[in-house]
């Protein structure tokens, strides 16, 4: 999957069980998919932020100050990104066969 800076336009839609049930067979399944995607987004954002901090540290000898914080990218919350991707059908997921796991 091509990663990008995760920015979401302001979206005030209320999310209910019926919205989540449209994209998954159970609410539990939907929560698991959203949670896994949120972790992936968070890890990506952390890696990107670490790269930015290293680049800034190489350019300056000054300690990390408020001025340097202003140069860092701002991300939306990973949970919010994952929920919107799920509701907009941008996530693909598959199941493992449980009978194989029981052996």
Protein backbone atom coordinates (compact mmCIF):
# COMPACT_ATOMS: atom_id res chain seq x y z
CA UNK A 1 0.00 0.00 0.00
CA UNK A 2 1.33 3.41 -0.88
CA UNK A 3 1.72 5.45 2.29
CA UNK A 4 1.04 9.16 2.35
CA UNK A 5 0.62 11.90 4.88
CA UNK A 6 -2.68 11.07 6.45
CA UNK A 7 -4.87 14.16 6.37
CA UNK A 8 -8.63 14.01 6.60
CA UNK A 9 -10.96 16.80 5.70
CA UNK A 10 -13.25 17.84 8.51
CA UNK A 11 -16.02 15.28 8.68
CA UNK A 12 -18.77 15.58 11.27
CA UNK A 13 -20.72 12.48 10.37
CA UNK A 14 -21.98 10.54 13.33
CA UNK A 15 -20.83 6.95 13.35
CA UNK A 16 -23.30 4.39 14.57
CA UNK A 17 -23.43 0.63 14.67
CA UNK A 18 -25.39 0.56 11.41
CA UNK A 19 -22.56 2.35 9.58
CA UNK A 20 -19.96 -0.07 10.87
CA UNK A 21 -22.16 -3.11 10.18
CA UNK A 22 -22.41 -2.17 6.51
CA UNK A 23 -18.70 -2.83 5.99
CA UNK A 24 -18.24 -5.87 8.26
CA UNK A 25 -20.25 -8.86 9.36
CA UNK A 26 -19.96 -8.01 13.07
CA UNK A 27 -19.05 -4.95 15.09
CA UNK A 28 -16.22 -6.92 16.75
CA UNK A 29 -14.73 -7.68 13.34
CA UNK A 30 -14.92 -4.02 12.37
CA UNK A 31 -13.25 -2.90 15.59
CA UNK A 32 -10.40 -5.37 15.07
CA UNK A 33 -9.83 -4.21 11.48
CA UNK A 34 -9.92 -0.53 12.51
CA UNK A 35 -7.58 -1.13 15.47
CA UNK A 36 -5.02 -2.96 13.33
CA UNK A 37 -5.08 -0.23 10.70
CA UNK A 38 -4.75 2.46 13.39
CA UNK A 39 -1.61 0.72 14.69
CA UNK A 40 -0.19 0.60 11.16
CA UNK A 41 -0.91 4.30 10.61
CA UNK A 42 0.60 5.19 13.99
CA UNK A 43 3.78 3.23 13.23
CA UNK A 44 4.09 4.91 9.84
CA UNK A 45 3.61 8.36 11.38
CA UNK A 46 6.20 7.60 14.05
CA UNK A 47 8.77 6.50 11.45
CA UNK A 48 8.13 9.65 9.42
CA UNK A 49 8.42 11.84 12.51
CA UNK A 50 11.68 10.15 13.50
CA UNK A 51 13.08 10.84 10.01
CA UNK A 52 12.09 14.50 10.29
CA UNK A 53 13.68 14.83 13.74
CA UNK A 54 16.91 13.23 12.49
CA UNK A 55 16.99 15.59 9.51
CA UNK A 56 16.48 18.60 11.77
CA UNK A 57 19.10 17.36 14.23
CA UNK A 58 21.64 17.02 11.42
CA UNK A 59 20.99 20.60 10.28
CA UNK A 60 21.27 22.26 13.67
CA UNK A 61 23.39 21.97 16.78
CA UNK A 62 20.70 23.63 18.86
CA UNK A 63 18.74 21.59 21.36
CA UNK A 64 15.16 20.66 20.52
CA UNK A 65 13.11 23.82 21.08
CA UNK A 66 9.66 25.12 20.31
CA UNK A 67 10.97 26.56 17.02
CA UNK A 68 12.00 23.11 15.83
CA UNK A 69 8.65 21.64 16.88
CA UNK A 70 6.91 24.07 14.55
CA UNK A 71 8.79 22.58 11.58
CA UNK A 72 7.52 19.06 12.24
CA UNK A 73 4.53 17.73 10.27
CA UNK A 74 1.12 17.55 11.91
CA UNK A 75 -0.86 14.34 11.56
CA UNK A 76 -4.46 13.43 12.23
CA UNK A 77 -5.04 10.87 14.95
CA UNK A 78 -4.41 7.37 13.70
CA UNK A 79 -7.75 6.12 15.03
CA UNK A 80 -9.59 8.78 13.09
CA UNK A 81 -7.72 7.94 9.89
CA UNK A 82 -8.46 4.22 10.32
CA UNK A 83 -12.17 4.80 10.96
CA UNK A 84 -12.54 6.99 7.90
CA UNK A 85 -10.66 4.53 5.70
CA UNK A 86 -12.92 1.74 6.97
CA UNK A 87 -16.14 3.68 6.43
CA UNK A 88 -15.02 4.77 2.95
CA UNK A 89 -14.17 1.15 1.99
CA UNK A 90 -10.44 1.83 1.52
CA UNK A 91 -9.35 -1.13 3.66
CA UNK A 92 -8.91 -4.69 2.45
CA UNK A 93 -8.79 -7.55 4.93
CA UNK A 94 -9.13 -11.31 4.89
CA UNK A 95 -9.75 -14.11 7.37
CA UNK A 96 -7.61 -17.03 8.38
CA UNK A 97 -9.27 -20.43 8.45
CA UNK A 98 -9.91 -21.10 12.15
CA UNK A 99 -10.06 -24.87 11.64
CA UNK A 100 -6.38 -24.83 10.62
CA UNK A 101 -5.45 -22.96 13.79
CA UNK A 102 -7.09 -25.52 16.10
CA UNK A 103 -4.77 -28.38 15.07
